[in-house]
Each structure stands twice: as C-alpha cells, then as structure tokens.
Amino acid sequence: MFNSLLTQLEPSLQLLRWDWHGSLTTGSFQAAFEHLLHESRRYHVTRWLADVSHLPLVGTDEQAWLSENWLPRFAALQVQEVALVLPVSLHNQLVVESVLADGRRHIRADIQFFSDVPAALDWLTAADTPLVERLEREWQRHFRGGQPSRLDRAG
C-alpha cells in the first residue's frame, strides 16, 4: 500500500523517521501522509525526521491538501520536534516553505532544516552518537538501495 514510504520507529525516543522513494500520485501521497498521522498517534510520537530530499515534484493538489486538510490534524499531535531534510529540487523547497508558512498558525513544533540525515539525527538524539549509529545501521540494513518496505520497532 505504501510502496514509496519508508518508515522507522524508535519508541525510546518517540521518534518516527520517514523517507519517500519512488513515484507519487495524489492517492498514494494522501494515503501515506494519513498513515504517518496514524502511526504518530498510535506510538505517541514526539519527534519526526522527515527526509523529503527524494520526494518527486509535489503538485498543487497535494500542496493544497497538505495545507488545508493534513496540517491542522498534524498540529493536533504531540510532535514537538521536526527535523526536515530538505529537498534537492528547488520546486519542492518552495512547496515545503509554503506549506510551513501556511501551517505556522497550527504547528507549535520546533522545526529545523538539515541538508543530511546524520545531522538531523544528531539534533533529534541530543548528539547520542551510539544511538545515531544504531539507528543508521538498522535503516541501512533494511533499506539498502532504497527498496520500499517498512521497518517499525514497536519494542
């Protein structure tokens, strides 16, 4: 169902990490973002690592849906810290900025921007190097080559 969404849950940090690989349709995009809301609620997630660097070009329909429908529901979660790994595409960078500007009235989380995942993990884990290394090893072991599947740690 979510063949383009890769996720990792670290319960000890209440951290949900996600990355997008593959194509994007409005239906798959909305279903994936609904899933992220559901998992965040289910596991009482307070930290997000959103790697949107590989996200295909986001269209105006997806952007409007994020701003008008999804963001108010995301804001209702208890997410306190969001680390965003910025898109390579200038178009998607502008989309991210626009959606976040729309969401400022809703979102109370501390949002920080990063150019790479290790820096984002470092910030989210308060520079706990062994934890960062373990999370990265798990991620690489499960997602070598960006192959879609899910890695959820419910432990």
N, C-alpha and C. Protein backbone atom coordinates (compact mmCIF):
# COMPACT_ATOMS: atom_id res chain seq x y z
N MET A 1 0.82 -1.20 0.00
CA MET A 1 0.00 0.00 0.00
C MET A 1 0.86 1.26 0.00
N PHE A 2 1.94 1.26 0.81
CA PHE A 2 2.81 2.42 0.90
C PHE A 2 4.16 2.06 0.28
N ASN A 3 4.15 1.72 -0.99
CA ASN A 3 5.38 1.22 -1.59
C ASN A 3 6.42 2.32 -1.84
N SER A 4 6.09 3.56 -1.57
CA SER A 4 7.07 4.63 -1.71
C SER A 4 7.48 5.23 -0.38
N LEU A 5 6.81 4.84 0.70
CA LEU A 5 7.07 5.41 2.02
C LEU A 5 7.89 4.43 2.85
N LEU A 6 9.05 4.89 3.30
CA LEU A 6 9.90 4.09 4.17
C LEU A 6 9.80 4.70 5.57
N THR A 7 9.56 3.87 6.59
CA THR A 7 9.43 4.40 7.94
C THR A 7 10.28 3.61 8.93
N GLN A 8 10.66 4.30 9.99
CA GLN A 8 11.40 3.69 11.09
C GLN A 8 10.86 4.31 12.38
N LEU A 9 10.53 3.47 13.32
CA LEU A 9 10.03 3.93 14.61
C LEU A 9 11.04 3.58 15.70
N GLU A 10 11.38 4.55 16.51
CA GLU A 10 12.26 4.31 17.66
C GLU A 10 11.48 4.71 18.91
N PRO A 11 10.85 3.72 19.56
CA PRO A 11 9.99 4.02 20.72
C PRO A 11 10.70 4.71 21.87
N SER A 12 11.97 4.39 22.12
CA SER A 12 12.67 5.00 23.26
C SER A 12 12.79 6.52 23.11
N LEU A 13 12.80 7.00 21.87
CA LEU A 13 12.87 8.44 21.60
C LEU A 13 11.53 9.02 21.17
N GLN A 14 10.54 8.16 21.01
CA GLN A 14 9.25 8.56 20.44
C GLN A 14 9.50 9.24 19.08
N LEU A 15 10.35 8.60 18.29
CA LEU A 15 10.81 9.13 17.02
C LEU A 15 10.24 8.34 15.85
N LEU A 16 9.69 9.06 14.89
CA LEU A 16 9.26 8.47 13.63
C LEU A 16 10.11 9.09 12.53
N ARG A 17 10.84 8.23 11.84
CA ARG A 17 11.65 8.66 10.70
C ARG A 17 10.96 8.18 9.44
N TRP A 18 10.90 9.06 8.44
CA TRP A 18 10.34 8.61 7.17
C TRP A 18 11.07 9.24 6.00
N ASP A 19 10.97 8.52 4.90
CA ASP A 19 11.64 8.91 3.67
C ASP A 19 10.75 8.46 2.52
N TRP A 20 10.80 9.16 1.43
CA TRP A 20 9.99 8.84 0.26
C TRP A 20 10.90 8.43 -0.88
N HIS A 21 10.63 7.27 -1.45
CA HIS A 21 11.35 6.79 -2.63
C HIS A 21 10.30 6.30 -3.62
N GLY A 22 10.44 6.65 -4.84
CA GLY A 22 9.51 6.15 -5.84
C GLY A 22 8.61 7.25 -6.37
N SER A 23 7.59 6.80 -7.07
CA SER A 23 6.68 7.73 -7.74
C SER A 23 5.68 8.32 -6.76
N LEU A 24 4.95 9.29 -7.26
CA LEU A 24 3.97 9.98 -6.43
C LEU A 24 2.69 10.16 -7.22
N THR A 25 1.60 9.69 -6.65
CA THR A 25 0.28 10.02 -7.16
C THR A 25 -0.48 10.67 -6.02
N THR A 26 -1.51 11.43 -6.34
CA THR A 26 -2.27 12.09 -5.28
C THR A 26 -2.80 11.08 -4.28
N GLY A 27 -3.31 9.94 -4.77
CA GLY A 27 -3.84 8.92 -3.88
C GLY A 27 -2.80 8.32 -2.97
N SER A 28 -1.64 7.97 -3.53
CA SER A 28 -0.59 7.37 -2.70
C SER A 28 -0.02 8.39 -1.72
N PHE A 29 0.09 9.63 -2.16
CA PHE A 29 0.61 10.70 -1.31
C PHE A 29 -0.31 10.91 -0.10
N GLN A 30 -1.59 11.03 -0.36
CA GLN A 30 -2.54 11.25 0.74
C GLN A 30 -2.60 10.04 1.66
N ALA A 31 -2.62 8.84 1.11
CA ALA A 31 -2.67 7.63 1.94
C ALA A 31 -1.42 7.54 2.82
N ALA A 32 -0.26 7.86 2.26
CA ALA A 32 0.98 7.80 3.03
C ALA A 32 0.97 8.82 4.16
N PHE A 33 0.54 10.03 3.89
CA PHE A 33 0.51 11.05 4.94
C PHE A 33 -0.55 10.75 6.00
N GLU A 34 -1.65 10.11 5.60
CA GLU A 34 -2.64 9.65 6.59
C GLU A 34 -2.01 8.59 7.48
N HIS A 35 -1.23 7.70 6.87
CA HIS A 35 -0.55 6.65 7.62
C HIS A 35 0.43 7.26 8.63
N LEU A 36 1.15 8.29 8.23
CA LEU A 36 2.08 8.95 9.15
C LEU A 36 1.35 9.55 10.35
N LEU A 37 0.18 10.12 10.12
CA LEU A 37 -0.63 10.64 11.23
C LEU A 37 -1.04 9.50 12.16
N HIS A 38 -1.53 8.43 11.56
CA HIS A 38 -2.00 7.28 12.35
C HIS A 38 -0.86 6.70 13.21
N GLU A 39 0.30 6.48 12.60
CA GLU A 39 1.43 5.91 13.33
C GLU A 39 1.91 6.86 14.43
N SER A 40 1.89 8.15 14.14
CA SER A 40 2.32 9.14 15.15
C SER A 40 1.39 9.12 16.35
N ARG A 41 0.10 9.01 16.10
CA ARG A 41 -0.88 8.92 17.20
C ARG A 41 -0.71 7.61 17.95
N ARG A 42 -0.62 6.53 17.21
CA ARG A 42 -0.56 5.19 17.79
C ARG A 42 0.64 5.02 18.73
N TYR A 43 1.78 5.56 18.35
CA TYR A 43 3.01 5.37 19.12
C TYR A 43 3.41 6.60 19.94
N HIS A 44 2.51 7.58 20.03
CA HIS A 44 2.75 8.79 20.83
C HIS A 44 4.07 9.45 20.44
N VAL A 45 4.26 9.61 19.15
CA VAL A 45 5.48 10.17 18.59
C VAL A 45 5.58 11.65 18.96
N THR A 46 6.77 12.05 19.42
CA THR A 46 7.02 13.47 19.73
C THR A 46 8.11 14.06 18.85
N ARG A 47 8.80 13.20 18.08
CA ARG A 47 9.88 13.66 17.20
C ARG A 47 9.69 13.05 15.81
N TRP A 48 9.90 13.88 14.82
CA TRP A 48 9.84 13.42 13.43
C TRP A 48 11.16 13.72 12.74
N LEU A 49 11.61 12.76 11.95
CA LEU A 49 12.68 13.02 10.99
C LEU A 49 12.05 12.78 9.63
N ALA A 50 11.81 13.86 8.90
CA ALA A 50 11.17 13.79 7.59
C ALA A 50 12.22 14.07 6.52
N ASP A 51 12.62 13.02 5.82
CA ASP A 51 13.59 13.17 4.75
C ASP A 51 12.82 13.32 3.45
N VAL A 52 12.64 14.56 3.02
CA VAL A 52 11.89 14.83 1.79
C VAL A 52 12.83 15.12 0.62
N SER A 53 14.09 14.75 0.78
CA SER A 53 15.07 15.04 -0.27
C SER A 53 14.79 14.25 -1.56
N HIS A 54 14.16 13.09 -1.45
CA HIS A 54 13.89 12.26 -2.63
C HIS A 54 12.46 12.38 -3.13
N LEU A 55 11.66 13.20 -2.51
CA LEU A 55 10.26 13.33 -2.89
C LEU A 55 10.14 13.86 -4.32
N PRO A 56 9.37 13.16 -5.18
CA PRO A 56 9.15 13.69 -6.53
C PRO A 56 8.44 15.04 -6.45
N LEU A 57 8.38 15.73 -7.56
CA LEU A 57 7.74 17.04 -7.57
C LEU A 57 6.32 16.96 -7.01
N VAL A 58 6.04 17.80 -6.04
CA VAL A 58 4.73 17.85 -5.40
C VAL A 58 3.86 18.83 -6.19
N GLY A 59 2.68 18.35 -6.58
CA GLY A 59 1.77 19.18 -7.36
C GLY A 59 0.94 20.12 -6.50
N THR A 60 0.22 20.99 -7.17
CA THR A 60 -0.60 21.97 -6.44
C THR A 60 -1.72 21.29 -5.65
N ASP A 61 -2.27 20.19 -6.17
CA ASP A 61 -3.33 19.48 -5.43
C ASP A 61 -2.79 18.91 -4.12
N GLU A 62 -1.62 18.30 -4.18
CA GLU A 62 -1.01 17.74 -2.96
C GLU A 62 -0.65 18.85 -1.98
N GLN A 63 -0.11 19.93 -2.50
CA GLN A 63 0.26 21.05 -1.65
C GLN A 63 -0.97 21.64 -0.95
N ALA A 64 -2.04 21.84 -1.68
CA ALA A 64 -3.27 22.38 -1.09
C ALA A 64 -3.83 21.42 -0.05
N TRP A 65 -3.81 20.12 -0.34
CA TRP A 65 -4.33 19.13 0.61
C TRP A 65 -3.51 19.14 1.90
N LEU A 66 -2.18 19.22 1.76
CA LEU A 66 -1.33 19.29 2.95
C LEU A 66 -1.68 20.51 3.81
N SER A 67 -1.76 21.66 3.18
CA SER A 67 -2.01 22.91 3.91
C SER A 67 -3.40 22.95 4.53
N GLU A 68 -4.41 22.56 3.77
CA GLU A 68 -5.78 22.75 4.21
C GLU A 68 -6.33 21.59 5.03
N ASN A 69 -5.91 20.37 4.73
CA ASN A 69 -6.52 19.20 5.35
C ASN A 69 -5.59 18.54 6.36
N TRP A 70 -4.36 18.31 5.95
CA TRP A 70 -3.46 17.50 6.76
C TRP A 70 -2.82 18.26 7.91
N LEU A 71 -2.33 19.48 7.65
CA LEU A 71 -1.60 20.23 8.68
C LEU A 71 -2.39 20.47 9.96
N PRO A 72 -3.65 20.85 9.89
CA PRO A 72 -4.39 21.04 11.15
C PRO A 72 -4.46 19.75 11.97
N ARG A 73 -4.53 18.60 11.33
CA ARG A 73 -4.56 17.32 12.06
C ARG A 73 -3.18 16.95 12.59
N PHE A 74 -2.13 17.27 11.83
CA PHE A 74 -0.78 17.06 12.32
C PHE A 74 -0.55 17.91 13.57
N ALA A 75 -1.01 19.15 13.54
CA ALA A 75 -0.82 20.06 14.67
C ALA A 75 -1.48 19.54 15.94
N ALA A 76 -2.51 18.73 15.80
CA ALA A 76 -3.20 18.18 16.97
C ALA A 76 -2.38 17.08 17.65
N LEU A 77 -1.37 16.56 16.97
CA LEU A 77 -0.50 15.56 17.57
C LEU A 77 0.41 16.22 18.59
N GLN A 78 1.14 15.43 19.31
CA GLN A 78 2.06 15.95 20.31
C GLN A 78 3.50 16.05 19.80
N VAL A 79 3.67 16.15 18.49
CA VAL A 79 5.01 16.24 17.91
C VAL A 79 5.63 17.58 18.33
N GLN A 80 6.79 17.50 18.96
CA GLN A 80 7.46 18.69 19.49
C GLN A 80 8.66 19.11 18.67
N GLU A 81 9.30 18.14 17.99
CA GLU A 81 10.49 18.45 17.20
C GLU A 81 10.37 17.79 15.84
N VAL A 82 10.64 18.58 14.80
CA VAL A 82 10.62 18.07 13.43
C VAL A 82 11.95 18.44 12.78
N ALA A 83 12.67 17.43 12.33
CA ALA A 83 13.89 17.62 11.57
C ALA A 83 13.55 17.34 10.11
N LEU A 84 13.66 18.34 9.27
CA LEU A 84 13.36 18.21 7.85
C LEU A 84 14.66 18.18 7.05
N VAL A 85 14.88 17.09 6.33
CA VAL A 85 15.99 17.03 5.40
C VAL A 85 15.46 17.59 4.09
N LEU A 86 16.02 18.71 3.69
CA LEU A 86 15.47 19.49 2.59
C LEU A 86 15.52 18.78 1.24
N PRO A 87 14.54 19.08 0.40
CA PRO A 87 14.52 18.52 -0.95
C PRO A 87 15.67 19.07 -1.80
N VAL A 88 16.10 18.26 -2.73
CA VAL A 88 17.11 18.68 -3.69
C VAL A 88 16.48 19.66 -4.68
N SER A 89 15.23 19.39 -5.03
CA SER A 89 14.52 20.19 -6.02
C SER A 89 14.12 21.56 -5.45
N LEU A 90 14.43 22.61 -6.18
CA LEU A 90 14.04 23.96 -5.76
C LEU A 90 12.52 24.07 -5.68
N HIS A 91 11.83 23.44 -6.63
CA HIS A 91 10.36 23.45 -6.61
C HIS A 91 9.85 22.92 -5.27
N ASN A 92 10.34 21.75 -4.86
CA ASN A 92 9.87 21.16 -3.60
C ASN A 92 10.32 21.96 -2.38
N GLN A 93 11.48 22.62 -2.46
CA GLN A 93 11.88 23.50 -1.37
C GLN A 93 10.85 24.62 -1.18
N LEU A 94 10.40 25.18 -2.30
CA LEU A 94 9.38 26.23 -2.23
C LEU A 94 8.06 25.69 -1.72
N VAL A 95 7.71 24.46 -2.09
CA VAL A 95 6.49 23.83 -1.58
C VAL A 95 6.58 23.67 -0.07
N VAL A 96 7.71 23.16 0.42
CA VAL A 96 7.91 22.97 1.86
C VAL A 96 7.76 24.31 2.58
N GLU A 97 8.43 25.34 2.07
CA GLU A 97 8.35 26.65 2.70
C GLU A 97 6.92 27.18 2.72
N SER A 98 6.21 27.00 1.62
CA SER A 98 4.83 27.48 1.53
C SER A 98 3.91 26.74 2.50
N VAL A 99 4.04 25.42 2.55
CA VAL A 99 3.20 24.61 3.45
C VAL A 99 3.50 24.98 4.90
N LEU A 100 4.77 25.13 5.24
CA LEU A 100 5.12 25.50 6.61
C LEU A 100 4.63 26.90 6.95
N ALA A 101 4.69 27.82 6.00
CA ALA A 101 4.16 29.17 6.24
C ALA A 101 2.66 29.09 6.49
N ASP A 102 1.95 28.26 5.72
CA ASP A 102 0.51 28.07 5.93
C ASP A 102 0.24 27.46 7.30
N GLY A 103 1.14 26.58 7.74
CA GLY A 103 0.93 25.85 8.98
C GLY A 103 1.37 26.57 10.23
N ARG A 104 2.02 27.70 10.12
CA ARG A 104 2.54 28.42 11.30
C ARG A 104 1.43 28.70 12.32
N ARG A 105 0.22 28.92 11.85
CA ARG A 105 -0.88 29.19 12.80
C ARG A 105 -1.31 27.93 13.53
N HIS A 106 -0.93 26.75 13.00
CA HIS A 106 -1.33 25.48 13.60
C HIS A 106 -0.20 24.81 14.38
N ILE A 107 0.97 24.78 13.78
CA ILE A 107 2.07 23.95 14.29
C ILE A 107 2.87 24.68 15.36
N ARG A 108 3.05 23.99 16.48
CA ARG A 108 3.83 24.54 17.59
C ARG A 108 5.19 23.84 17.75
N ALA A 109 5.47 22.89 16.90
CA ALA A 109 6.71 22.11 16.99
C ALA A 109 7.91 22.98 16.62
N ASP A 110 9.05 22.60 17.16
CA ASP A 110 10.33 23.20 16.78
C ASP A 110 10.76 22.52 15.48
N ILE A 111 10.81 23.27 14.40
CA ILE A 111 11.16 22.72 13.08
C ILE A 111 12.54 23.23 12.70
N GLN A 112 13.43 22.27 12.41
CA GLN A 112 14.79 22.60 11.99
C GLN A 112 15.05 21.97 10.63
N PHE A 113 15.86 22.64 9.82
CA PHE A 113 16.17 22.19 8.47
C PHE A 113 17.60 21.66 8.41
N PHE A 114 17.77 20.56 7.66
CA PHE A 114 19.08 19.92 7.55
C PHE A 114 19.33 19.53 6.10
N SER A 115 20.62 19.43 5.76
CA SER A 115 20.98 19.01 4.40
C SER A 115 21.23 17.51 4.34
N ASP A 116 21.34 16.85 5.52
CA ASP A 116 21.57 15.41 5.51
C ASP A 116 20.97 14.77 6.77
N VAL A 117 20.76 13.47 6.67
CA VAL A 117 20.13 12.71 7.76
C VAL A 117 21.00 12.65 9.01
N PRO A 118 22.32 12.38 8.91
CA PRO A 118 23.11 12.31 10.15
C PRO A 118 23.01 13.57 11.01
N ALA A 119 23.02 14.74 10.40
CA ALA A 119 22.89 15.98 11.17
C ALA A 119 21.52 16.07 11.82
N ALA A 120 20.49 15.65 11.11
CA ALA A 120 19.12 15.66 11.66
C ALA A 120 19.01 14.70 12.83
N LEU A 121 19.56 13.50 12.68
CA LEU A 121 19.54 12.53 13.78
C LEU A 121 20.34 13.02 14.98
N ASP A 122 21.43 13.66 14.71
CA ASP A 122 22.26 14.21 15.79
C ASP A 122 21.44 15.20 16.62
N TRP A 123 20.71 16.07 15.95
CA TRP A 123 19.88 17.06 16.65
C TRP A 123 18.76 16.37 17.45
N LEU A 124 18.08 15.41 16.83
CA LEU A 124 16.94 14.74 17.48
C LEU A 124 17.35 13.86 18.65
N THR A 125 18.58 13.38 18.64
CA THR A 125 19.03 12.46 19.70
C THR A 125 19.92 13.16 20.72
N ALA A 126 20.01 14.48 20.65
CA ALA A 126 20.90 15.24 21.54
C ALA A 126 22.34 14.73 21.45
N ALA A 127 22.75 14.46 20.22
CA ALA A 127 24.13 14.05 19.93
C ALA A 127 24.53 12.73 20.61
N ASP A 128 23.59 11.82 20.72
CA ASP A 128 23.87 10.48 21.27
C ASP A 128 24.44 9.62 20.14
N THR A 129 25.76 9.69 19.96
CA THR A 129 26.42 9.04 18.83
C THR A 129 26.13 7.55 18.73
N PRO A 130 26.21 6.77 19.82
CA PRO A 130 25.89 5.34 19.69
C PRO A 130 24.45 5.10 19.20
N LEU A 131 23.51 5.90 19.66
CA LEU A 131 22.12 5.75 19.22
C LEU A 131 21.98 6.12 17.75
N VAL A 132 22.60 7.21 17.34
CA VAL A 132 22.57 7.62 15.93
C VAL A 132 23.13 6.51 15.05
N GLU A 133 24.26 5.94 15.47
CA GLU A 133 24.88 4.88 14.68
C GLU A 133 24.00 3.64 14.61
N ARG A 134 23.36 3.27 15.72
CA ARG A 134 22.46 2.11 15.73
C ARG A 134 21.27 2.33 14.80
N LEU A 135 20.65 3.51 14.87
CA LEU A 135 19.51 3.82 14.01
C LEU A 135 19.90 3.78 12.54
N GLU A 136 21.06 4.33 12.23
CA GLU A 136 21.53 4.31 10.84
C GLU A 136 21.82 2.89 10.36
N ARG A 137 22.43 2.06 11.22
CA ARG A 137 22.70 0.66 10.84
C ARG A 137 21.38 -0.07 10.55
N GLU A 138 20.40 0.11 11.43
CA GLU A 138 19.08 -0.51 11.21
C GLU A 138 18.49 -0.07 9.88
N TRP A 139 18.52 1.23 9.64
CA TRP A 139 17.95 1.79 8.42
C TRP A 139 18.64 1.20 7.19
N GLN A 140 19.97 1.22 7.21
CA GLN A 140 20.73 0.71 6.07
C GLN A 140 20.50 -0.78 5.85
N ARG A 141 20.42 -1.53 6.94
CA ARG A 141 20.20 -2.97 6.83
C ARG A 141 18.85 -3.27 6.17
N HIS A 142 17.84 -2.49 6.49
CA HIS A 142 16.50 -2.75 5.96
C HIS A 142 16.23 -2.10 4.61
N PHE A 143 16.93 -1.01 4.32
CA PHE A 143 16.60 -0.24 3.12
C PHE A 143 17.76 -0.06 2.18
N ARG A 144 18.66 -1.00 2.14
CA ARG A 144 19.77 -0.90 1.18
C ARG A 144 19.22 -0.66 -0.21
N GLY A 145 19.73 0.37 -0.86
CA GLY A 145 19.31 0.66 -2.22
C GLY A 145 17.95 1.33 -2.31
N GLY A 146 17.38 1.76 -1.17
CA GLY A 146 16.10 2.46 -1.20
C GLY A 146 14.93 1.56 -1.55
N GLN A 147 15.04 0.27 -1.26
CA GLN A 147 13.94 -0.63 -1.57
C GLN A 147 12.80 -0.44 -0.58
N PRO A 148 11.60 -0.10 -1.07
CA PRO A 148 10.49 0.15 -0.17
C PRO A 148 10.09 -1.08 0.62
N SER A 149 9.96 -0.90 1.88
CA SER A 149 9.39 -1.84 2.83
C SER A 149 9.29 -1.07 4.12
N ARG A 150 8.84 -1.70 5.18
CA ARG A 150 8.67 -0.95 6.42
C ARG A 150 9.52 -1.53 7.51
N LEU A 151 10.07 -0.64 8.30
CA LEU A 151 10.83 -1.01 9.48
C LEU A 151 10.17 -0.28 10.64
N ASP A 152 9.41 -0.99 11.42
CA ASP A 152 8.78 -0.39 12.60
C ASP A 152 9.29 -1.13 13.80
N ARG A 153 9.76 -0.40 14.77
CA ARG A 153 10.21 -1.00 16.02
C ARG A 153 9.14 -0.70 17.05
N ALA A 154 8.41 -1.69 17.43
CA ALA A 154 7.36 -1.50 18.42
C ALA A 154 7.82 -1.92 19.80
N GLY A 155 9.12 -2.14 19.95
CA GLY A 155 9.71 -2.71 21.11
C GLY A 155 9.69 -1.91 22.33
